[in-house]
């Protein structure tokens, strides 16, 4: 099959599907808006979401356009190693609950930056909020690119038209609906996701002939033996595999729109139960995602399907256009758009909470509840417009900006939250130094700022921030531990520190009613962490041989 422009030939089908989809979105948004009278309603749906509903919504947050489009594109290009990459991401939400989610919910906060403000003070909170806004915008950027690509394929319009028309409609819906609208829409999106993948696979006879020997069957470029599978893995630097831990697993711990899912639960027990549902549901959907990507490898290598590098993000839609009726393909693309709306909702709601709750409210504590809600709507809308403008000149893959955002979160937010929950000696000076220095180093190591400072010669690895995070994340932990330890022992700073209050706070969020000096106050643990982080940071500077 020759290379061609992949679009649905009948735009009427696309227009009808888009119209129905967005009519549903806006009805849900309007009905949800009528129920929102407070900041808590807007951002965490009143904190009254049940376990199954929250588990579905958590899974839906991960079923973004990075799932529908971006991951299949990377499988087409990276193949087997990509599976290891995505497994690291799936670990994130359970780890959020285990490491700090229940503690922060017990504390009554609605975001990681809210915790940072209570634990480290106003200045640290504002710095963290600024970085989180950058993180959320970069995360939203990937979703907005996917929305534009989906509209381009569904309606047969140029990319730029799909970006502005689809983007503005979606931003309007999110601004109206808030968290309640997002949750309801995510449930409907999850319900359609299994059908989306089944529709593609059901009409593709090649899969039946493959006998579903997964994943070795799909390595057509390299052969099909187990020895060749080892070659595929060994062709990637071991540093790359290890770097996924700081870049994606630790990075995801700092993402605000994931953490907010824990705070929407009706109770701590419900939040823990939601993790089980999340793991089960996400496993079902991602097994189909991987299959879709490897089907693309099979089709391009054996069936004559030609997918250009520029169309890699369209692989899921292309397979449906080729092997399904157009009306089925249109429904699948509409599902991809719904995935983009879902994750964009989380990103933009996080931006709204960060600006209105963590920056403006901190500077103007007398602002009324009504004023906070209005300011949140404005922030949500402006964050969406910013992501649209950044998507005008997109990167090579739509997931590049998303993974880069994970790395920045791992550098600037995760150390502050993890150490703040589990180590009493963590203080504001260490938090500010770690966030600012680590964040600047990570940004400088990205090819978008100073290309000559990148740590590897592998372009995609550098763009996704994986190499930069392997150095900057351990650097941030080292800075925070060392600076906190030193400043706690400087007599001139003792009057500026709130040591007793911080110790009591750490005990309280873990459920203790009394304060004991030996709890969460180890010196050996932080020392070991510094040594391990130093070794990892030095290893990151050694040539990666990719």
Protein backbone atom coordinates (compact mmCIF):
# COMPACT_ATOMS: atom_id res chain seq x y z
CA UNK A 1 0.00 0.00 0.00
CA UNK A 2 1.43 3.37 -0.99
CA UNK A 3 1.86 6.20 1.48
CA UNK A 4 -1.23 8.39 1.53
CA UNK A 5 -3.17 10.98 3.49
CA UNK A 6 -5.12 9.16 6.20
CA UNK A 7 -8.56 10.69 6.58
CA UNK A 8 -12.16 9.50 6.61
CA UNK A 9 -13.48 10.02 3.09
CA UNK A 10 -16.99 11.07 4.16
CA UNK A 11 -16.70 14.16 6.40
CA UNK A 12 -20.45 14.04 7.19
CA UNK A 13 -19.85 10.99 9.38
CA UNK A 14 -17.15 12.85 11.26
CA UNK A 15 -19.27 15.96 11.72
CA UNK A 16 -22.21 13.96 13.11
CA UNK A 17 -20.01 11.98 15.51
CA UNK A 18 -18.23 15.12 16.74
CA UNK A 19 -21.51 17.01 17.16
CA UNK A 20 -23.09 14.21 19.22
CA UNK A 21 -19.92 13.77 21.29
CA UNK A 22 -19.60 17.42 22.22
CA UNK A 23 -23.31 17.85 22.79
CA UNK A 24 -23.01 15.11 25.40
CA UNK A 25 -19.93 16.79 26.91
CA UNK A 26 -21.65 20.15 27.24
CA UNK A 27 -24.84 18.69 28.73
CA UNK A 28 -22.73 16.92 31.36
CA UNK A 29 -20.73 20.10 31.92
CA UNK A 30 -23.85 22.24 32.39
CA UNK A 31 -25.50 19.81 34.81
CA UNK A 32 -22.24 19.47 36.75
CA UNK A 33 -21.74 23.23 36.94
CA UNK A 34 -25.11 23.64 38.67
CA UNK A 35 -23.85 21.46 41.51
CA UNK A 36 -20.61 23.37 42.07
CA UNK A 37 -20.75 26.15 44.63
CA UNK A 38 -17.36 25.80 46.31
CA UNK A 39 -13.70 25.24 45.50
CA UNK A 40 -13.97 21.71 46.91
CA UNK A 41 -16.82 20.94 44.51
CA UNK A 42 -14.88 22.36 41.56
CA UNK A 43 -11.61 20.51 42.09
CA UNK A 44 -12.36 17.29 44.03
CA UNK A 45 -16.10 16.76 43.40
CA UNK A 46 -16.88 17.37 47.06
CA UNK A 47 -14.65 14.47 48.15
CA UNK A 48 -17.58 12.03 47.92
CA UNK A 49 -16.59 9.67 45.09
CA UNK A 50 -16.99 5.91 45.69
CA UNK A 51 -14.27 3.27 45.22
CA UNK A 52 -15.42 1.73 41.93
CA UNK A 53 -16.29 5.10 40.41
CA UNK A 54 -12.94 6.54 41.49
CA UNK A 55 -11.08 3.47 40.23
CA UNK A 56 -12.72 3.88 36.84
CA UNK A 57 -11.88 7.58 36.83
CA UNK A 58 -8.25 6.92 37.83
CA UNK A 59 -7.89 4.42 35.01
CA UNK A 60 -9.59 6.85 32.66
CA UNK A 61 -7.01 9.50 33.58
CA UNK A 62 -4.33 7.15 32.26
CA UNK A 63 -6.35 6.35 29.14
CA UNK A 64 -5.38 9.63 27.58
CA UNK A 65 -4.49 10.26 23.96
CA UNK A 66 -1.03 9.04 24.95
CA UNK A 67 -2.71 5.65 25.34
CA UNK A 68 -4.91 5.71 22.26
CA UNK A 69 -2.41 7.30 19.89
CA UNK A 70 0.99 8.09 21.38
CA UNK A 71 1.85 4.71 22.86
CA UNK A 72 0.96 2.76 19.73
CA UNK A 73 3.16 5.21 17.80
CA UNK A 74 6.12 4.53 20.08
CA UNK A 75 5.55 0.76 19.91
CA UNK A 76 5.72 1.08 16.13
CA UNK A 77 9.12 2.72 16.50
CA UNK A 78 10.63 1.32 19.74
CA UNK A 79 8.73 -1.99 19.96
CA UNK A 80 9.52 -4.22 22.95
CA UNK A 81 11.40 -1.74 25.24
CA UNK A 82 8.34 0.52 25.21
CA UNK A 83 6.44 -2.01 27.35
CA UNK A 84 8.92 -1.57 30.19
CA UNK A 85 8.55 2.18 29.87
CA UNK A 86 4.79 2.13 30.28
CA UNK A 87 4.79 -0.36 33.15
CA UNK A 88 6.70 2.23 35.18
CA UNK A 89 3.88 4.71 34.61
CA UNK A 90 1.18 2.28 35.69
CA UNK A 91 2.91 1.88 39.06
CA UNK A 92 2.43 5.57 39.83
CA UNK A 93 -1.13 5.81 41.19
CA UNK A 94 -0.79 2.84 43.59
CA UNK A 95 2.49 4.35 44.78
CA UNK A 96 0.79 7.71 45.30
CA UNK A 97 -1.62 6.02 47.69
CA UNK A 98 1.08 4.01 49.47
CA UNK A 99 3.70 6.76 49.79
CA UNK A 100 1.68 9.86 50.51
CA UNK A 101 -1.91 9.83 49.22
CA UNK A 102 -3.64 8.63 52.36
CA UNK A 103 -1.42 10.80 54.57
CA UNK A 104 -2.25 13.94 52.63
CA UNK A 105 -5.93 13.10 52.55
CA UNK A 106 -5.89 12.58 56.31
CA UNK A 107 -4.35 16.04 56.50
CA UNK A 108 -7.26 17.48 54.48
CA UNK A 109 -5.33 18.98 51.57
CA UNK A 110 -6.54 18.86 47.95
CA UNK A 111 -3.22 18.97 46.06
CA UNK A 112 0.53 18.32 46.54
CA UNK A 113 1.18 22.07 46.54
CA UNK A 114 -1.35 22.51 49.34
CA UNK A 115 0.77 20.07 51.35
CA UNK A 116 3.95 21.94 50.41
CA UNK A 117 2.43 25.19 51.68
CA UNK A 118 1.51 23.65 55.02
CA UNK A 119 4.82 21.78 55.36
CA UNK A 120 7.36 24.27 53.99
CA UNK A 121 5.64 27.65 53.86
CA UNK A 122 4.38 30.16 51.30
CA UNK A 123 7.56 30.70 49.27
CA UNK A 124 8.13 27.00 48.67
CA UNK A 125 4.46 26.65 47.72
CA UNK A 126 4.59 29.42 45.12
CA UNK A 127 7.79 28.00 43.56
CA UNK A 128 6.27 24.52 43.43
CA UNK A 129 3.03 25.90 41.98
CA UNK A 130 4.89 27.68 39.18
CA UNK A 131 6.69 24.45 38.25
CA UNK A 132 3.42 22.52 38.47
CA UNK A 133 1.73 24.93 36.09
CA UNK A 134 4.57 24.34 33.60
CA UNK A 135 4.19 20.58 34.14
CA UNK A 136 0.43 20.66 33.60
CA UNK A 137 0.70 22.81 30.47
CA UNK A 138 3.33 20.50 28.95
CA UNK A 139 1.17 17.49 29.81
CA UNK A 140 -1.85 19.18 28.26
CA UNK A 141 0.22 20.00 25.18
CA UNK A 142 0.49 16.33 24.21
CA UNK A 143 -3.25 15.85 24.62
CA UNK A 144 -4.00 18.93 22.53
CA UNK A 145 -1.74 17.67 19.73
CA UNK A 146 -3.64 14.38 19.79
CA UNK A 147 -6.98 16.19 19.64
CA UNK A 148 -5.80 18.12 16.57
CA UNK A 149 -4.60 14.92 14.88
CA UNK A 150 -7.93 13.22 15.64
CA UNK A 151 -9.93 16.13 14.20
CA UNK A 152 -7.66 16.20 11.16
CA UNK A 153 -8.40 12.53 10.48
CA UNK A 154 -12.08 12.60 11.40
CA UNK A 155 -13.14 15.77 9.58
CA UNK A 156 -10.55 15.93 6.81
CA UNK A 157 -9.40 19.41 7.89
CA UNK A 158 -5.82 20.70 8.20
CA UNK A 159 -4.01 20.11 11.49
CA UNK A 160 -4.10 23.77 12.48
CA UNK A 161 -7.89 23.97 12.03
CA UNK A 162 -8.39 20.81 14.06
CA UNK A 163 -6.18 22.28 16.77
CA UNK A 164 -7.98 25.60 17.16
CA UNK A 165 -11.57 24.46 16.60
CA UNK A 166 -11.34 21.27 18.65
CA UNK A 167 -9.13 22.86 21.29
CA UNK A 168 -11.41 25.82 21.95
CA UNK A 169 -14.53 23.62 22.14
CA UNK A 170 -12.83 21.27 24.60
CA UNK A 171 -11.42 24.05 26.77
CA UNK A 172 -14.91 25.55 26.95
CA UNK A 173 -16.40 22.25 28.13
CA UNK A 174 -13.74 21.74 30.79
CA UNK A 175 -14.16 25.29 32.06
CA UNK A 176 -17.91 24.75 32.46
CA UNK A 177 -17.87 21.20 33.86
CA UNK A 178 -15.20 21.18 36.57
CA UNK A 179 -14.26 17.95 38.38
CA UNK A 180 -17.81 16.59 38.57
CA UNK A 181 -18.24 16.87 34.82
CA UNK A 182 -14.85 15.29 34.27
CA UNK A 183 -15.66 12.32 36.49
CA UNK A 184 -18.99 11.60 34.76
CA UNK A 185 -17.47 11.95 31.32
CA UNK A 186 -14.55 9.67 32.26
CA UNK A 187 -16.94 6.91 33.24
CA UNK A 188 -18.64 7.08 29.86
CA UNK A 189 -15.26 7.14 28.15
CA UNK A 190 -14.04 4.08 30.01
CA UNK A 191 -17.20 2.20 29.12
CA UNK A 192 -16.48 2.75 25.42
CA UNK A 193 -12.75 1.95 25.56
CA UNK A 194 -13.00 -1.86 25.39
CA UNK A 195 -15.25 -1.52 22.34
CA UNK A 196 -12.76 0.78 20.65
CA UNK A 197 -9.99 -1.80 20.81
CA UNK A 198 -12.29 -4.75 20.11
CA UNK A 199 -13.61 -2.99 17.01
CA UNK A 200 -10.12 -2.74 15.59
CA UNK A 201 -9.05 -6.22 16.49
CA UNK A 202 -12.32 -7.95 15.65
CA UNK A 203 -12.11 -7.29 11.91
CA UNK A 204 -8.38 -7.87 11.55
CA UNK A 205 -7.96 -11.44 10.37
CA UNK A 206 -4.16 -11.26 10.59
CA UNK A 207 -4.32 -11.42 14.37
CA UNK A 208 -6.26 -14.68 14.32
CA UNK A 209 -3.62 -16.21 12.07
CA UNK A 210 -0.93 -15.06 14.48
CA UNK A 211 -2.53 -17.18 17.24
CA UNK A 212 -1.92 -14.25 19.58
CA UNK A 213 1.59 -15.38 20.52
CA UNK A 214 2.36 -12.14 22.33
CA UNK A 215 4.74 -10.42 22.13
CA UNK A 216 7.34 -12.51 20.25
CA UNK A 217 5.15 -12.92 17.18
CA UNK A 218 5.16 -9.22 16.46
CA UNK A 219 8.93 -8.69 16.25
CA UNK A 220 8.94 -9.00 12.48
CA UNK A 221 11.80 -6.63 11.89
CA UNK A 222 14.13 -8.71 14.03
CA UNK A 223 12.89 -12.27 13.62
CA UNK A 224 10.78 -14.28 16.05
CA UNK A 225 13.15 -16.28 18.25
CA UNK A 226 13.65 -15.72 21.96
CA UNK A 227 17.31 -15.00 21.30
CA UNK A 228 16.30 -12.12 19.05
CA UNK A 229 14.04 -10.73 21.79
CA UNK A 230 17.13 -10.53 23.99
CA UNK A 231 18.88 -8.63 21.21
CA UNK A 232 16.04 -6.11 21.11
CA UNK A 233 16.33 -5.43 24.83
CA UNK A 234 20.13 -5.40 24.83
CA UNK A 235 20.19 -2.90 21.97
CA UNK A 236 18.92 -0.34 24.48
CA UNK A 237 21.33 0.95 27.14
CA UNK A 238 20.74 -0.43 30.64
CA UNK A 239 20.89 3.17 31.81
CA UNK A 240 17.78 3.79 29.72
CA UNK A 241 15.84 1.10 31.57
CA UNK A 242 17.00 2.28 34.99
CA UNK A 243 16.32 5.93 34.10
CA UNK A 244 12.63 5.08 33.74
CA UNK A 245 12.37 4.86 37.54
CA UNK A 246 13.32 8.48 38.33
CA UNK A 247 11.85 9.85 35.10
CA UNK A 248 8.46 8.17 35.09
CA UNK A 249 7.71 6.34 38.33
CA UNK A 250 9.03 9.01 40.69
CA UNK A 251 8.00 11.69 38.21
CA UNK A 252 4.39 10.55 38.23
CA UNK A 253 4.31 10.90 42.03
CA UNK A 254 4.48 14.65 41.55
CA UNK A 255 1.76 15.01 38.94
CA UNK A 256 -1.11 17.00 40.45
CA UNK A 257 -3.94 15.61 38.32
CA UNK A 258 -3.08 12.05 39.41
CA UNK A 259 -2.78 12.91 43.09
CA UNK A 260 -6.14 14.72 43.01
CA UNK A 261 -7.84 11.36 42.37
CA UNK A 262 -6.96 10.22 45.90
CA UNK A 263 -8.52 13.35 47.38
CA UNK A 264 -11.86 12.83 45.60
CA UNK A 265 -12.46 9.56 47.48
CA UNK A 266 -15.17 9.50 50.12
CA UNK A 267 -12.84 7.89 52.70
CA UNK A 268 -9.34 6.47 53.12
CA UNK A 269 -10.74 2.95 52.81
CA UNK A 270 -12.46 3.95 49.59
CA UNK A 271 -9.21 5.45 48.25
CA UNK A 272 -7.34 2.19 48.91
CA UNK A 273 -10.09 0.10 47.33
CA UNK A 274 -10.04 2.36 44.28
CA UNK A 275 -6.38 1.38 43.74
CA UNK A 276 -7.37 -2.26 43.28
CA UNK A 277 -10.05 -1.37 40.76
CA UNK A 278 -7.60 0.95 39.01
CA UNK A 279 -4.93 -1.75 38.62
CA UNK A 280 -7.43 -4.30 37.30
CA UNK A 281 -9.15 -1.97 34.84
CA UNK A 282 -5.93 -0.41 33.56
CA UNK A 283 -4.42 -3.85 32.98
CA UNK A 284 -7.36 -4.83 30.78
CA UNK A 285 -7.17 -1.73 28.65
CA UNK A 286 -3.39 -1.61 28.28
CA UNK A 287 -3.20 -5.22 27.13
CA UNK A 288 -5.32 -4.11 24.18
CA UNK A 289 -3.15 -1.02 23.67
CA UNK A 290 -0.01 -3.13 23.35
CA UNK A 291 -1.76 -5.51 20.99
CA UNK A 292 -2.81 -2.57 18.83
CA UNK A 293 0.77 -1.29 18.61
CA UNK A 294 2.21 -4.66 17.66
CA UNK A 295 -0.56 -5.14 15.10
CA UNK A 296 0.78 -1.97 13.53
CA UNK A 297 4.26 -3.50 13.41
CA UNK A 298 2.84 -6.64 11.81
CA UNK A 299 0.78 -4.72 9.26
CA UNK A 300 3.64 -2.46 8.18
CA UNK A 301 6.12 -5.33 7.87
CA UNK A 302 3.96 -8.03 6.25
CA UNK A 303 0.77 -6.47 4.87
CA UNK A 304 2.20 -3.59 2.85
CA UNK A 305 0.75 -0.90 5.11
CA UNK A 306 2.83 2.28 4.80
CA UNK A 307 2.82 4.65 7.77
CA UNK A 308 5.15 7.62 7.44
CA UNK A 309 7.09 8.96 10.41
CA UNK A 310 4.82 12.00 10.51
CA UNK A 311 1.72 9.78 10.72
CA UNK A 312 2.98 7.46 13.49
CA UNK A 313 0.67 9.09 16.05
CA UNK A 314 -2.28 8.19 13.80
CA UNK A 315 -1.56 4.43 13.86
CA UNK A 316 -4.66 3.48 15.88
CA UNK A 317 -6.89 5.52 13.58
CA UNK A 318 -5.14 4.25 10.44
CA UNK A 319 -5.73 0.61 11.38
CA UNK A 320 -9.42 1.34 11.86
CA UNK A 321 -9.69 3.20 8.55
CA UNK A 322 -8.00 0.33 6.71
CA UNK A 323 -9.70 -2.65 8.35
CA UNK A 324 -13.09 -1.31 9.52
CA UNK A 325 -16.10 0.47 8.03
CA UNK A 326 -15.83 4.24 8.22
CA UNK A 327 -18.59 4.61 10.79
CA UNK A 328 -16.68 2.29 13.14
CA UNK A 329 -13.47 4.23 12.53
CA UNK A 330 -15.35 7.45 13.31
CA UNK A 331 -16.51 6.05 16.65
CA UNK A 332 -12.97 4.99 17.50
CA UNK A 333 -11.63 8.45 16.70
CA UNK A 334 -14.40 9.98 18.81
CA UNK A 335 -13.20 7.74 21.64
CA UNK A 336 -9.70 9.11 21.16
CA UNK A 337 -11.08 12.65 21.38
CA UNK A 338 -12.90 11.70 24.59
CA UNK A 339 -9.60 10.41 25.96
CA UNK A 340 -8.00 13.75 25.21
CA UNK A 341 -10.85 15.63 26.88
CA UNK A 342 -10.56 13.42 29.96
CA UNK A 343 -6.87 14.01 30.58
CA UNK A 344 -7.05 17.65 29.55
CA UNK A 345 -9.72 18.06 32.20
CA UNK A 346 -7.35 16.79 34.86
CA UNK A 347 -4.50 18.99 33.61
CA UNK A 348 -6.53 22.18 33.36
CA UNK A 349 -8.32 21.63 36.67
CA UNK A 350 -4.89 21.24 38.25
CA UNK A 351 -3.80 24.54 36.66
CA UNK A 352 -6.93 26.22 38.02
CA UNK A 353 -6.29 24.89 41.51
CA UNK A 354 -2.62 25.87 41.39
CA UNK A 355 -3.21 29.44 40.30
CA UNK A 356 -6.31 30.22 42.35
CA UNK A 357 -5.62 28.15 45.48
CA UNK A 358 -1.83 28.06 45.74
CA UNK A 359 -0.68 31.38 44.29
CA UNK A 360 -3.45 34.00 44.27
CA UNK A 361 -5.10 32.85 47.50
CA UNK A 362 -1.69 32.74 49.18
CA UNK A 363 -1.05 36.33 48.15
CA UNK A 364 -4.66 37.42 48.84
CA UNK A 365 -5.97 35.26 51.72
CA UNK A 366 -9.10 37.42 52.11
CA UNK A 367 -10.45 36.42 48.68
CA UNK A 368 -14.04 35.16 48.92
CA UNK A 369 -15.12 31.61 48.05
CA UNK A 370 -17.04 32.92 45.04
CA UNK A 371 -13.99 34.86 43.91
CA UNK A 372 -11.82 31.74 44.16
CA UNK A 373 -14.22 29.74 42.00
CA UNK A 374 -14.37 32.48 39.35
CA UNK A 375 -10.60 32.80 39.36
CA UNK A 376 -10.35 29.04 38.95
CA UNK A 377 -12.53 29.15 35.83
CA UNK A 378 -10.34 31.90 34.34
CA UNK A 379 -7.15 29.94 35.11
CA UNK A 380 -8.58 26.77 33.54
CA UNK A 381 -9.46 28.64 30.35
CA UNK A 382 -6.09 30.43 30.09
CA UNK A 383 -4.20 27.17 30.68
CA UNK A 384 -6.13 25.57 27.83
CA UNK A 385 -5.40 28.45 25.48
CA UNK A 386 -1.68 28.23 26.35
CA UNK A 387 -1.62 24.51 25.46
CA UNK A 388 -3.35 25.26 22.14
CA UNK A 389 -0.77 27.89 21.20
CA UNK A 390 2.16 25.61 22.13
CA UNK A 391 0.69 22.83 19.95
CA UNK A 392 0.95 24.98 16.82
CA UNK A 393 4.52 23.69 16.35
CA UNK A 394 4.35 20.12 17.75
CA UNK A 395 7.30 17.79 18.60
CA UNK A 396 8.00 14.60 16.65
CA UNK A 397 5.72 12.44 18.87
CA UNK A 398 2.76 13.67 20.89
CA UNK A 399 3.99 11.83 24.02
CA UNK A 400 7.32 13.70 24.08
CA UNK A 401 5.98 16.68 26.02
CA UNK A 402 4.02 14.36 28.35
CA UNK A 403 7.07 12.33 29.37
CA UNK A 404 9.10 15.54 29.72
CA UNK A 405 6.46 16.80 32.15
CA UNK A 406 6.79 13.60 34.19
CA UNK A 407 10.52 14.22 34.56
CA UNK A 408 10.06 17.83 35.69
CA UNK A 409 7.54 16.68 38.29
CA UNK A 410 10.01 14.09 39.56
CA UNK A 411 12.67 16.77 39.97
CA UNK A 412 10.70 19.68 41.45
CA UNK A 413 7.72 18.17 43.31
CA UNK A 414 8.21 14.51 44.22
CA UNK A 415 11.26 14.98 46.53
CA UNK A 416 9.43 17.69 48.49
CA UNK A 417 6.35 15.55 49.04
CA UNK A 418 8.09 12.22 49.70
CA UNK A 419 10.65 13.60 52.16
CA UNK A 420 8.10 15.96 53.67
CA UNK A 421 5.85 13.04 54.57
CA UNK A 422 8.50 10.59 55.76
CA UNK A 423 11.37 12.69 57.19
CA UNK A 424 10.85 15.26 59.92
CA UNK A 425 14.12 17.09 59.22
CA UNK A 426 13.04 18.16 55.74
CA UNK A 427 12.64 21.94 55.89
CA UNK A 428 11.78 24.94 53.73
CA UNK A 429 15.39 25.77 52.82
CA UNK A 430 16.03 22.29 51.52
CA UNK A 431 12.72 22.25 49.66
CA UNK A 432 13.30 25.58 47.92
CA UNK A 433 16.91 24.75 47.00
CA UNK A 434 16.01 21.30 45.65
CA UNK A 435 13.07 22.55 43.59
CA UNK A 436 14.81 25.58 42.09
CA UNK A 437 18.26 24.08 41.41
CA UNK A 438 16.94 20.69 40.31
CA UNK A 439 14.31 22.27 38.07
CA UNK A 440 16.80 24.59 36.38
CA UNK A 441 19.29 21.75 35.80
CA UNK A 442 16.57 19.52 34.30
CA UNK A 443 15.36 22.26 31.96
CA UNK A 444 18.93 23.04 30.83
CA UNK A 445 19.55 19.35 30.08
CA UNK A 446 16.60 19.17 27.68
CA UNK A 447 17.36 19.54 23.95
CA UNK A 448 14.77 22.31 23.67
CA UNK A 449 16.90 24.74 25.70
CA UNK A 450 20.62 23.88 25.44
CA UNK A 451 21.01 21.05 22.89
CA UNK A 452 24.75 20.75 23.57
CA UNK A 453 24.14 19.72 27.22
CA UNK A 454 22.10 16.56 26.52
CA UNK A 455 23.43 13.39 28.15
CA UNK A 456 22.86 10.92 25.29
CA UNK A 457 22.99 10.83 21.51
CA UNK A 458 19.49 9.32 21.37
CA UNK A 459 17.14 12.11 20.30
CA UNK A 460 13.85 10.67 21.59
CA UNK A 461 15.36 9.78 24.98
CA UNK A 462 16.59 13.35 25.41
CA UNK A 463 13.31 14.91 24.25
CA UNK A 464 11.28 12.80 26.66
CA UNK A 465 13.46 13.99 29.54
CA UNK A 466 14.47 10.45 30.52
CA UNK A 467 18.20 11.14 30.44
CA UNK A 468 17.88 14.51 32.16
CA UNK A 469 15.71 13.06 34.92
CA UNK A 470 18.21 10.31 35.70
CA UNK A 471 20.66 13.05 36.72
CA UNK A 472 18.36 15.78 38.03
CA UNK A 473 16.01 13.66 40.20
CA UNK A 474 18.77 12.20 42.42
CA UNK A 475 20.41 15.65 42.45
CA UNK A 476 17.22 17.14 43.90
CA UNK A 477 17.03 14.50 46.62
CA UNK A 478 20.69 15.09 47.53
CA UNK A 479 20.23 18.87 47.69
CA UNK A 480 17.11 18.64 49.81
CA UNK A 481 18.57 16.18 52.32
CA UNK A 482 21.93 17.94 52.66
CA UNK A 483 20.55 21.50 52.81
CA UNK A 484 17.84 20.52 55.30
CA UNK A 485 20.30 18.68 57.53
CA UNK A 486 22.81 21.55 57.53
CA UNK A 487 20.33 24.40 58.01
CA UNK A 488 18.59 22.61 60.88
CA UNK A 489 21.90 22.83 62.75
CA UNK A 490 22.62 26.51 62.06
CA UNK A 491 21.80 28.56 65.20
CA UNK A 492 21.03 31.71 63.19
CA UNK A 493 18.23 29.95 61.31
CA UNK A 494 16.52 28.22 64.23
CA UNK A 495 14.22 31.16 64.88
CA UNK A 496 13.04 31.09 61.26
CA UNK A 497 12.27 27.38 61.23
CA UNK A 498 9.04 25.85 62.51
CA UNK A 499 10.63 22.64 63.71
CA UNK A 500 8.16 21.70 66.46
CA UNK A 501 5.18 22.44 64.24
CA UNK A 502 6.66 20.40 61.37
CA UNK A 503 7.32 17.41 63.64
CA UNK A 504 3.77 17.51 64.96
CA UNK A 505 2.39 17.75 61.43
CA UNK A 506 4.33 14.69 60.23
CA UNK A 507 3.10 12.67 63.21
CA UNK A 508 -0.49 13.79 62.67
CA UNK A 509 -0.68 12.91 58.98
CA UNK A 510 0.46 9.39 59.83
CA UNK A 511 -2.33 9.05 62.38
CA UNK A 512 -0.34 9.50 65.60
CA UNK A 513 -1.90 11.58 68.36
CA UNK A 514 1.36 12.10 70.23
CA UNK A 515 4.81 13.29 69.11
CA UNK A 516 7.85 11.06 69.57
CA UNK A 517 11.29 12.26 68.51
CA UNK A 518 12.42 8.87 67.20
CA UNK A 519 9.61 8.49 64.65
CA UNK A 520 10.35 9.57 61.05
CA UNK A 521 13.64 11.12 62.20
CA UNK A 522 16.30 8.68 61.03
CA UNK A 523 19.80 9.81 60.12
CA UNK A 524 20.91 6.52 58.57
CA UNK A 525 18.10 6.41 55.99
CA UNK A 526 18.77 9.88 54.53
CA UNK A 527 22.53 9.17 54.50
CA UNK A 528 21.98 5.98 52.52
CA UNK A 529 19.64 7.86 50.16
CA UNK A 530 22.32 10.50 49.53
CA UNK A 531 24.92 7.86 48.68
CA UNK A 532 22.56 5.97 46.35
CA UNK A 533 21.45 9.18 44.63
CA UNK A 534 25.07 10.27 44.17
CA UNK A 535 25.94 6.95 42.49
CA UNK A 536 22.92 7.22 40.17
CA UNK A 537 23.73 10.84 39.25
CA UNK A 538 27.34 9.95 38.40
CA UNK A 539 26.14 6.94 36.39
CA UNK A 540 23.87 9.24 34.39
CA UNK A 541 26.94 11.23 33.28
CA UNK A 542 28.70 8.14 31.91
CA UNK A 543 28.15 7.63 28.12
CA UNK A 544 24.92 5.70 27.52
CA UNK A 545 26.06 3.79 24.39
CA UNK A 546 22.68 3.96 22.67
